């Protein structure tokens, strides 16, 4: 993946999380590597966000991959490596 593609995927994950959390776009208070659970992202919300992004991107991720993703950057990486059906 290129640097631009990495940034694009990070931005997509961040935007979807912000939308679902009803927060300011870009979530400026949350770093890419900060754990999501302490920031208020529970597993139900996380699965919902990833499901939306899977549909948008046309990829699928195993559920355990989603739950093991602890940060915006790990989610972006998992989505970029997702399986295209």
PDB file of N, CA and C in Angstrom:
ATOM      1  N   UNK A   1       0.836  -1.178   0.000  1.00  0.00           N
ATOM      2  CA  UNK A   1       0.000   0.000   0.000  1.00  0.00           C
ATOM      3  C   UNK A   1       0.882   1.243   0.000  1.00  0.00           C
ATOM      4  N   UNK A   2       0.478   2.271  -0.733  1.00  0.00           N
ATOM      5  CA  UNK A   2       1.255   3.492  -0.805  1.00  0.00           C
ATOM      6  C   UNK A   2       0.954   4.399   0.381  1.00  0.00           C
ATOM      7  N   UNK A   3       1.779   5.389   0.564  1.00  0.00           N
ATOM      8  CA  UNK A   3       1.569   6.350   1.650  1.00  0.00           C
ATOM      9  C   UNK A   3       0.226   7.047   1.476  1.00  0.00           C
ATOM     10  N   UNK A   4      -0.111   7.437   0.245  1.00  0.00           N
ATOM     11  CA  UNK A   4      -1.393   8.093  -0.017  1.00  0.00           C
ATOM     12  C   UNK A   4      -2.566   7.169   0.282  1.00  0.00           C
ATOM     13  N   UNK A   5      -2.441   5.906  -0.090  1.00  0.00           N
ATOM     14  CA  UNK A   5      -3.504   4.941   0.185  1.00  0.00           C
ATOM     15  C   UNK A   5      -3.646   4.729   1.690  1.00  0.00           C
ATOM     16  N   UNK A   6      -2.532   4.678   2.405  1.00  0.00           N
ATOM     17  CA  UNK A   6      -2.574   4.551   3.864  1.00  0.00           C
ATOM     18  C   UNK A   6      -3.323   5.730   4.477  1.00  0.00           C
ATOM     19  N   UNK A   7      -2.978   6.918   4.033  1.00  0.00           N
ATOM     20  CA  UNK A   7      -3.634   8.129   4.568  1.00  0.00           C
ATOM     21  C   UNK A   7      -5.121   8.142   4.243  1.00  0.00           C
ATOM     22  N   UNK A   8      -5.450   7.713   3.034  1.00  0.00           N
ATOM     23  CA  UNK A   8      -6.847   7.679   2.622  1.00  0.00           C
ATOM     24  C   UNK A   8      -7.638   6.707   3.490  1.00  0.00           C
ATOM     25  N   UNK A   9      -7.079   5.525   3.740  1.00  0.00           N
ATOM     26  CA  UNK A   9      -7.778   4.537   4.563  1.00  0.00           C
ATOM     27  C   UNK A   9      -7.904   5.032   6.005  1.00  0.00           C
ATOM     28  N   UNK A  10      -6.854   5.624   6.542  1.00  0.00           N
ATOM     29  CA  UNK A  10      -6.928   6.197   7.891  1.00  0.00           C
ATOM     30  C   UNK A  10      -8.029   7.245   7.961  1.00  0.00           C
ATOM     31  N   UNK A  11      -8.110   8.094   6.952  1.00  0.00           N
ATOM     32  CA  UNK A  11      -9.132   9.144   6.921  1.00  0.00           C
ATOM     33  C   UNK A  11     -10.531   8.550   6.841  1.00  0.00           C
ATOM     34  N   UNK A  12     -10.711   7.478   6.068  1.00  0.00           N
ATOM     35  CA  UNK A  12     -12.034   6.833   5.962  1.00  0.00           C
ATOM     36  C   UNK A  12     -12.469   6.253   7.299  1.00  0.00           C
ATOM     37  N   UNK A  13     -11.552   5.541   7.961  1.00  0.00           N
ATOM     38  CA  UNK A  13     -11.870   4.948   9.266  1.00  0.00           C
ATOM     39  C   UNK A  13     -12.188   6.058  10.261  1.00  0.00           C
ATOM     40  N   UNK A  14     -11.377   7.075  10.292  1.00  0.00           N
ATOM     41  CA  UNK A  14     -11.565   8.196  11.221  1.00  0.00           C
ATOM     42  C   UNK A  14     -12.915   8.891  10.962  1.00  0.00           C
ATOM     43  N   UNK A  15     -13.236   9.125   9.704  1.00  0.00           N
ATOM     44  CA  UNK A  15     -14.496   9.798   9.363  1.00  0.00           C
ATOM     45  C   UNK A  15     -15.705   8.967   9.780  1.00  0.00           C
ATOM     46  N   UNK A  16     -15.648   7.670   9.541  1.00  0.00           N
ATOM     47  CA  UNK A  16     -16.784   6.814   9.911  1.00  0.00           C
ATOM     48  C   UNK A  16     -16.936   6.736  11.431  1.00  0.00           C
ATOM     49  N   UNK A  17     -15.826   6.634  12.139  1.00  0.00           N
ATOM     50  CA  UNK A  17     -15.898   6.638  13.605  1.00  0.00           C
ATOM     51  C   UNK A  17     -16.486   7.953  14.119  1.00  0.00           C
ATOM     52  N   UNK A  18     -16.035   9.065  13.564  1.00  0.00           N
ATOM     53  CA  UNK A  18     -16.543  10.375  13.982  1.00  0.00           C
ATOM     54  C   UNK A  18     -18.046  10.472  13.735  1.00  0.00           C
ATOM     55  N   UNK A  19     -18.476   9.995  12.581  1.00  0.00           N
ATOM     56  CA  UNK A  19     -19.909  10.040  12.253  1.00  0.00           C
ATOM     57  C   UNK A  19     -20.720   9.222  13.248  1.00  0.00           C
ATOM     58  N   UNK A  20     -20.245   8.011  13.534  1.00  0.00           N
ATOM     59  CA  UNK A  20     -20.972   7.133  14.446  1.00  0.00           C
ATOM     60  C   UNK A  20     -20.947   7.628  15.889  1.00  0.00           C
ATOM     61  N   UNK A  21     -19.859   8.271  16.280  1.00  0.00           N
ATOM     62  CA  UNK A  21     -19.744   8.816  17.635  1.00  0.00           C
ATOM     63  C   UNK A  21     -20.394  10.191  17.750  1.00  0.00           C
ATOM     64  N   UNK A  22     -20.858  10.721  16.618  1.00  0.00           N
ATOM     65  CA  UNK A  22     -21.425  12.062  16.535  1.00  0.00           C
ATOM     66  C   UNK A  22     -20.444  13.083  17.106  1.00  0.00           C
ATOM     67  N   UNK A  23     -19.224  12.968  16.631  1.00  0.00           N
ATOM     68  CA  UNK A  23     -18.131  13.836  17.053  1.00  0.00           C
ATOM     69  C   UNK A  23     -17.661  14.688  15.877  1.00  0.00           C
ATOM     70  N   UNK A  24     -16.781  15.612  16.179  1.00  0.00           N
ATOM     71  CA  UNK A  24     -16.185  16.465  15.164  1.00  0.00           C
ATOM     72  C   UNK A  24     -15.470  15.607  14.119  1.00  0.00           C
ATOM     73  N   UNK A  25     -15.686  15.880  12.844  1.00  0.00           N
ATOM     74  CA  UNK A  25     -15.001  15.106  11.805  1.00  0.00           C
ATOM     75  C   UNK A  25     -13.486  15.126  12.021  1.00  0.00           C
ATOM     76  N   UNK A  26     -12.891  13.988  11.815  1.00  0.00           N
ATOM     77  CA  UNK A  26     -11.449  13.880  11.977  1.00  0.00           C
ATOM     78  C   UNK A  26     -11.009  13.472  13.369  1.00  0.00           C
ATOM     79  N   UNK A  27     -11.906  13.500  14.330  1.00  0.00           N
ATOM     80  CA  UNK A  27     -11.581  13.109  15.712  1.00  0.00           C
ATOM     81  C   UNK A  27     -10.202  13.627  16.142  1.00  0.00           C
ATOM     82  N   UNK A  28     -10.021  14.951  16.197  1.00  0.00           N
ATOM     83  CA  UNK A  28      -8.701  15.496  16.490  1.00  0.00           C
ATOM     84  C   UNK A  28      -8.154  15.091  17.859  1.00  0.00           C
ATOM     85  N   UNK A  29      -8.991  14.659  18.747  1.00  0.00           N
ATOM     86  CA  UNK A  29      -8.570  14.271  20.092  1.00  0.00           C
ATOM     87  C   UNK A  29      -8.091  12.823  20.180  1.00  0.00           C
ATOM     88  N   UNK A  30      -8.184  12.083  19.082  1.00  0.00           N
ATOM     89  CA  UNK A  30      -7.832  10.665  19.086  1.00  0.00           C
ATOM     90  C   UNK A  30      -6.700  10.394  18.100  1.00  0.00           C
ATOM     91  N   UNK A  31      -5.575   9.889  18.598  1.00  0.00           N
ATOM     92  CA  UNK A  31      -4.450   9.579  17.711  1.00  0.00           C
ATOM     93  C   UNK A  31      -4.725   8.280  16.952  1.00  0.00           C
ATOM     94  N   UNK A  32      -3.979   8.070  15.892  1.00  0.00           N
ATOM     95  CA  UNK A  32      -4.139   6.868  15.074  1.00  0.00           C
ATOM     96  C   UNK A  32      -3.792   5.595  15.831  1.00  0.00           C
ATOM     97  N   UNK A  33      -2.921   5.698  16.827  1.00  0.00           N
ATOM     98  CA  UNK A  33      -2.455   4.509  17.540  1.00  0.00           C
ATOM     99  C   UNK A  33      -3.078   4.342  18.923  1.00  0.00           C
ATOM    100  N   UNK A  34      -3.900   5.284  19.336  1.00  0.00           N
ATOM    101  CA  UNK A  34      -4.545   5.209  20.651  1.00  0.00           C
ATOM    102  C   UNK A  34      -5.591   4.089  20.672  1.00  0.00           C
ATOM    103  N   UNK A  35      -5.621   3.310  21.745  1.00  0.00           N
ATOM    104  CA  UNK A  35      -6.646   2.260  21.843  1.00  0.00           C
ATOM    105  C   UNK A  35      -8.056   2.859  21.778  1.00  0.00           C
ATOM    106  N   UNK A  36      -8.934   2.194  21.062  1.00  0.00           N
ATOM    107  CA  UNK A  36     -10.279   2.712  20.858  1.00  0.00           C
ATOM    108  C   UNK A  36     -11.205   2.497  22.054  1.00  0.00           C
ATOM    109  N   UNK A  37     -11.052   1.404  22.759  1.00  0.00           N
ATOM    110  CA  UNK A  37     -11.961   1.116  23.880  1.00  0.00           C
ATOM    111  C   UNK A  37     -11.951   2.220  24.936  1.00  0.00           C
ATOM    112  N   UNK A  38     -10.798   2.663  25.422  1.00  0.00           N
ATOM    113  CA  UNK A  38     -10.796   3.741  26.412  1.00  0.00           C
ATOM    114  C   UNK A  38     -11.344   5.061  25.855  1.00  0.00           C
ATOM    115  N   UNK A  39     -11.370   5.190  24.551  1.00  0.00           N
ATOM    116  CA  UNK A  39     -11.891   6.398  23.917  1.00  0.00           C
ATOM    117  C   UNK A  39     -13.412   6.340  23.734  1.00  0.00           C
ATOM    118  N   UNK A  40     -14.030   5.242  24.167  1.00  0.00           N
ATOM    119  CA  UNK A  40     -15.484   5.136  24.107  1.00  0.00           C
ATOM    120  C   UNK A  40     -16.028   4.336  22.946  1.00  0.00           C
ATOM    121  N   UNK A  41     -15.179   3.611  22.255  1.00  0.00           N
ATOM    122  CA  UNK A  41     -15.626   2.785  21.126  1.00  0.00           C
ATOM    123  C   UNK A  41     -15.755   1.350  21.620  1.00  0.00           C
ATOM    124  N   UNK A  42     -16.993   0.898  21.815  1.00  0.00           N
ATOM    125  CA  UNK A  42     -17.206  -0.481  22.279  1.00  0.00           C
ATOM    126  C   UNK A  42     -17.262  -1.430  21.084  1.00  0.00           C
ATOM    127  N   UNK A  43     -17.309  -2.709  21.367  1.00  0.00           N
ATOM    128  CA  UNK A  43     -17.253  -3.715  20.302  1.00  0.00           C
ATOM    129  C   UNK A  43     -18.451  -3.630  19.363  1.00  0.00           C
ATOM    130  N   UNK A  44     -19.617  -3.290  19.880  1.00  0.00           N
ATOM    131  CA  UNK A  44     -20.807  -3.184  19.030  1.00  0.00           C
ATOM    132  C   UNK A  44     -20.643  -2.040  18.032  1.00  0.00           C
ATOM    133  N   UNK A  45     -20.184  -0.907  18.516  1.00  0.00           N
ATOM    134  CA  UNK A  45     -19.958   0.234  17.637  1.00  0.00           C
ATOM    135  C   UNK A  45     -18.858  -0.077  16.630  1.00  0.00           C
ATOM    136  N   UNK A  46     -17.800  -0.709  17.094  1.00  0.00           N
ATOM    137  CA  UNK A  46     -16.682  -1.049  16.228  1.00  0.00           C
ATOM    138  C   UNK A  46     -17.122  -1.978  15.091  1.00  0.00           C
ATOM    139  N   UNK A  47     -17.888  -2.997  15.409  1.00  0.00           N
ATOM    140  CA  UNK A  47     -18.377  -3.930  14.382  1.00  0.00           C
ATOM    141  C   UNK A  47     -19.289  -3.202  13.393  1.00  0.00           C
ATOM    142  N   UNK A  48     -20.094  -2.295  13.883  1.00  0.00           N
ATOM    143  CA  UNK A  48     -20.975  -1.526  13.011  1.00  0.00           C
ATOM    144  C   UNK A  48     -20.173  -0.637  12.054  1.00  0.00           C
ATOM    145  N   UNK A  49     -19.171   0.045  12.581  1.00  0.00           N
ATOM    146  CA  UNK A  49     -18.317   0.907  11.755  1.00  0.00           C
ATOM    147  C   UNK A  49     -17.599   0.086  10.694  1.00  0.00           C
ATOM    148  N   UNK A  50     -17.022  -1.014  11.105  1.00  0.00           N
ATOM    149  CA  UNK A  50     -16.289  -1.852  10.158  1.00  0.00           C
ATOM    150  C   UNK A  50     -17.232  -2.452   9.116  1.00  0.00           C
ATOM    151  N   UNK A  51     -18.421  -2.854   9.534  1.00  0.00           N
ATOM    152  CA  UNK A  51     -19.400  -3.380   8.573  1.00  0.00           C
ATOM    153  C   UNK A  51     -19.732  -2.369   7.494  1.00  0.00           C
ATOM    154  N   UNK A  52     -19.908  -1.135   7.882  1.00  0.00           N
ATOM    155  CA  UNK A  52     -20.184  -0.063   6.926  1.00  0.00           C
ATOM    156  C   UNK A  52     -19.012   0.120   5.955  1.00  0.00           C
ATOM    157  N   UNK A  53     -17.802   0.122   6.495  1.00  0.00           N
ATOM    158  CA  UNK A  53     -16.622   0.297   5.653  1.00  0.00           C
ATOM    159  C   UNK A  53     -16.377  -0.923   4.754  1.00  0.00           C
ATOM    160  N   UNK A  54     -16.661  -2.120   5.262  1.00  0.00           N
ATOM    161  CA  UNK A  54     -16.531  -3.322   4.419  1.00  0.00           C
ATOM    162  C   UNK A  54     -17.438  -3.215   3.197  1.00  0.00           C
ATOM    163  N   UNK A  55     -18.677  -2.785   3.408  1.00  0.00           N
ATOM    164  CA  UNK A  55     -19.614  -2.635   2.285  1.00  0.00           C
ATOM    165  C   UNK A  55     -19.129  -1.568   1.315  1.00  0.00           C
ATOM    166  N   UNK A  56     -18.697  -0.454   1.855  1.00  0.00           N
ATOM    167  CA  UNK A  56     -18.230   0.656   1.024  1.00  0.00           C
ATOM    168  C   UNK A  56     -17.017   0.262   0.185  1.00  0.00           C
ATOM    169  N   UNK A  57     -16.110  -0.502   0.786  1.00  0.00           N
ATOM    170  CA  UNK A  57     -14.864  -0.876   0.121  1.00  0.00           C
ATOM    171  C   UNK A  57     -14.951  -2.189  -0.654  1.00  0.00           C
ATOM    172  N   UNK A  58     -16.017  -2.955  -0.415  1.00  0.00           N
ATOM    173  CA  UNK A  58     -16.164  -4.241  -1.090  1.00  0.00           C
ATOM    174  C   UNK A  58     -15.206  -5.294  -0.578  1.00  0.00           C
ATOM    175  N   UNK A  59     -14.907  -5.272   0.721  1.00  0.00           N
ATOM    176  CA  UNK A  59     -14.022  -6.256   1.336  1.00  0.00           C
ATOM    177  C   UNK A  59     -14.727  -6.895   2.526  1.00  0.00           C
ATOM    178  N   UNK A  60     -14.187  -8.007   2.985  1.00  0.00           N
ATOM    179  CA  UNK A  60     -14.697  -8.631   4.204  1.00  0.00           C
ATOM    180  C   UNK A  60     -13.521  -8.915   5.137  1.00  0.00           C
ATOM    181  N   UNK A  61     -13.807  -8.835   6.414  1.00  0.00           N
ATOM    182  CA  UNK A  61     -12.825  -9.140   7.453  1.00  0.00           C
ATOM    183  C   UNK A  61     -13.410 -10.185   8.380  1.00  0.00           C
ATOM    184  N   UNK A  62     -12.598 -11.105   8.851  1.00  0.00           N
ATOM    185  CA  UNK A  62     -13.078 -12.037   9.869  1.00  0.00           C
ATOM    186  C   UNK A  62     -13.419 -11.264  11.145  1.00  0.00           C
ATOM    187  N   UNK A  63     -14.453 -11.689  11.861  1.00  0.00           N
ATOM    188  CA  UNK A  63     -14.871 -10.992  13.076  1.00  0.00           C
ATOM    189  C   UNK A  63     -13.747 -10.854  14.090  1.00  0.00           C
ATOM    190  N   UNK A  64     -12.912 -11.884  14.228  1.00  0.00           N
ATOM    191  CA  UNK A  64     -11.843 -11.796  15.218  1.00  0.00           C
ATOM    192  C   UNK A  64     -10.826 -10.729  14.843  1.00  0.00           C
ATOM    193  N   UNK A  65     -10.623 -10.486  13.568  1.00  0.00           N
ATOM    194  CA  UNK A  65      -9.724  -9.416  13.133  1.00  0.00           C
ATOM    195  C   UNK A  65     -10.271  -8.070  13.560  1.00  0.00           C
ATOM    196  N   UNK A  66     -11.566  -7.903  13.416  1.00  0.00           N
ATOM    197  CA  UNK A  66     -12.208  -6.648  13.801  1.00  0.00           C
ATOM    198  C   UNK A  66     -12.036  -6.413  15.293  1.00  0.00           C
ATOM    199  N   UNK A  67     -12.323  -7.417  16.083  1.00  0.00           N
ATOM    200  CA  UNK A  67     -12.256  -7.245  17.531  1.00  0.00           C
ATOM    201  C   UNK A  67     -10.832  -7.104  18.048  1.00  0.00           C
ATOM    202  N   UNK A  68      -9.867  -7.634  17.303  1.00  0.00           N
ATOM    203  CA  UNK A  68      -8.470  -7.502  17.713  1.00  0.00           C
ATOM    204  C   UNK A  68      -7.887  -6.153  17.307  1.00  0.00           C
ATOM    205  N   UNK A  69      -8.562  -5.433  16.445  1.00  0.00           N
ATOM    206  CA  UNK A  69      -8.076  -4.130  15.991  1.00  0.00           C
ATOM    207  C   UNK A  69      -8.318  -3.103  17.085  1.00  0.00           C
ATOM    208  N   UNK A  70      -7.248  -2.592  17.626  1.00  0.00           N
ATOM    209  CA  UNK A  70      -7.358  -1.757  18.814  1.00  0.00           C
ATOM    210  C   UNK A  70      -7.203  -0.269  18.549  1.00  0.00           C
ATOM    211  N   UNK A  71      -6.945   0.112  17.313  1.00  0.00           N
ATOM    212  CA  UNK A  71      -6.715   1.524  17.021  1.00  0.00           C
ATOM    213  C   UNK A  71      -7.184   1.835  15.599  1.00  0.00           C
ATOM    214  N   UNK A  72      -7.221   3.118  15.296  1.00  0.00           N
ATOM    215  CA  UNK A  72      -7.589   3.530  13.947  1.00  0.00           C
ATOM    216  C   UNK A  72      -6.600   2.963  12.937  1.00  0.00           C
ATOM    217  N   UNK A  73      -5.316   3.011  13.255  1.00  0.00           N
ATOM    218  CA  UNK A  73      -4.319   2.514  12.300  1.00  0.00           C
ATOM    219  C   UNK A  73      -4.426   1.006  12.094  1.00  0.00           C
ATOM    220  N   UNK A  74      -4.723   0.246  13.148  1.00  0.00           N
ATOM    221  CA  UNK A  74      -4.853  -1.204  12.955  1.00  0.00           C
ATOM    222  C   UNK A  74      -6.119  -1.547  12.166  1.00  0.00           C
ATOM    223  N   UNK A  75      -7.172  -0.768  12.356  1.00  0.00           N
ATOM    224  CA  UNK A  75      -8.386  -0.980  11.552  1.00  0.00           C
ATOM    225  C   UNK A  75      -8.129  -0.650  10.087  1.00  0.00           C
ATOM    226  N   UNK A  76      -7.450   0.446   9.843  1.00  0.00           N
ATOM    227  CA  UNK A  76      -7.143   0.829   8.468  1.00  0.00           C
ATOM    228  C   UNK A  76      -6.289  -0.234   7.784  1.00  0.00           C
ATOM    229  N   UNK A  77      -5.312  -0.751   8.496  1.00  0.00           N
ATOM    230  CA  UNK A  77      -4.455  -1.795   7.932  1.00  0.00           C
ATOM    231  C   UNK A  77      -5.268  -3.059   7.632  1.00  0.00           C
ATOM    232  N   UNK A  78      -6.127  -3.461   8.570  1.00  0.00           N
ATOM    233  CA  UNK A  78      -6.951  -4.659   8.362  1.00  0.00           C
ATOM    234  C   UNK A  78      -7.862  -4.477   7.149  1.00  0.00           C
ATOM    235  N   UNK A  79      -8.461  -3.289   7.012  1.00  0.00           N
ATOM    236  CA  UNK A  79      -9.347  -3.038   5.872  1.00  0.00           C
ATOM    237  C   UNK A  79      -8.575  -3.030   4.555  1.00  0.00           C
ATOM    238  N   UNK A  80      -7.375  -2.496   4.573  1.00  0.00           N
ATOM    239  CA  UNK A  80      -6.586  -2.468   3.332  1.00  0.00           C
ATOM    240  C   UNK A  80      -6.163  -3.869   2.902  1.00  0.00           C
ATOM    241  N   UNK A  81      -6.110  -4.795   3.847  1.00  0.00           N
ATOM    242  CA  UNK A  81      -5.748  -6.171   3.545  1.00  0.00           C
ATOM    243  C   UNK A  81      -6.970  -7.084   3.437  1.00  0.00           C
ATOM    244  N   UNK A  82      -8.173  -6.509   3.526  1.00  0.00           N
ATOM    245  CA  UNK A  82      -9.401  -7.285   3.506  1.00  0.00           C
ATOM    246  C   UNK A  82      -9.546  -8.116   2.245  1.00  0.00           C
ATOM    247  N   UNK A  83     -10.334  -9.170   2.360  1.00  0.00           N
ATOM    248  CA  UNK A  83     -10.565 -10.094   1.247  1.00  0.00           C
ATOM    249  C   UNK A  83     -11.707  -9.562   0.392  1.00  0.00           C
ATOM    250  N   UNK A  84     -11.469  -9.524  -0.892  1.00  0.00           N
ATOM    251  CA  UNK A  84     -12.529  -9.120  -1.826  1.00  0.00           C
ATOM    252  C   UNK A  84     -13.257 -10.369  -2.296  1.00  0.00           C
ATOM    253  N   UNK A  85     -14.571 -10.421  -1.998  1.00  0.00           N
ATOM    254  CA  UNK A  85     -15.323 -11.626  -2.387  1.00  0.00           C
ATOM    255  C   UNK A  85     -15.428 -11.817  -3.879  1.00  0.00           C
TER     256      UNK A  85
END
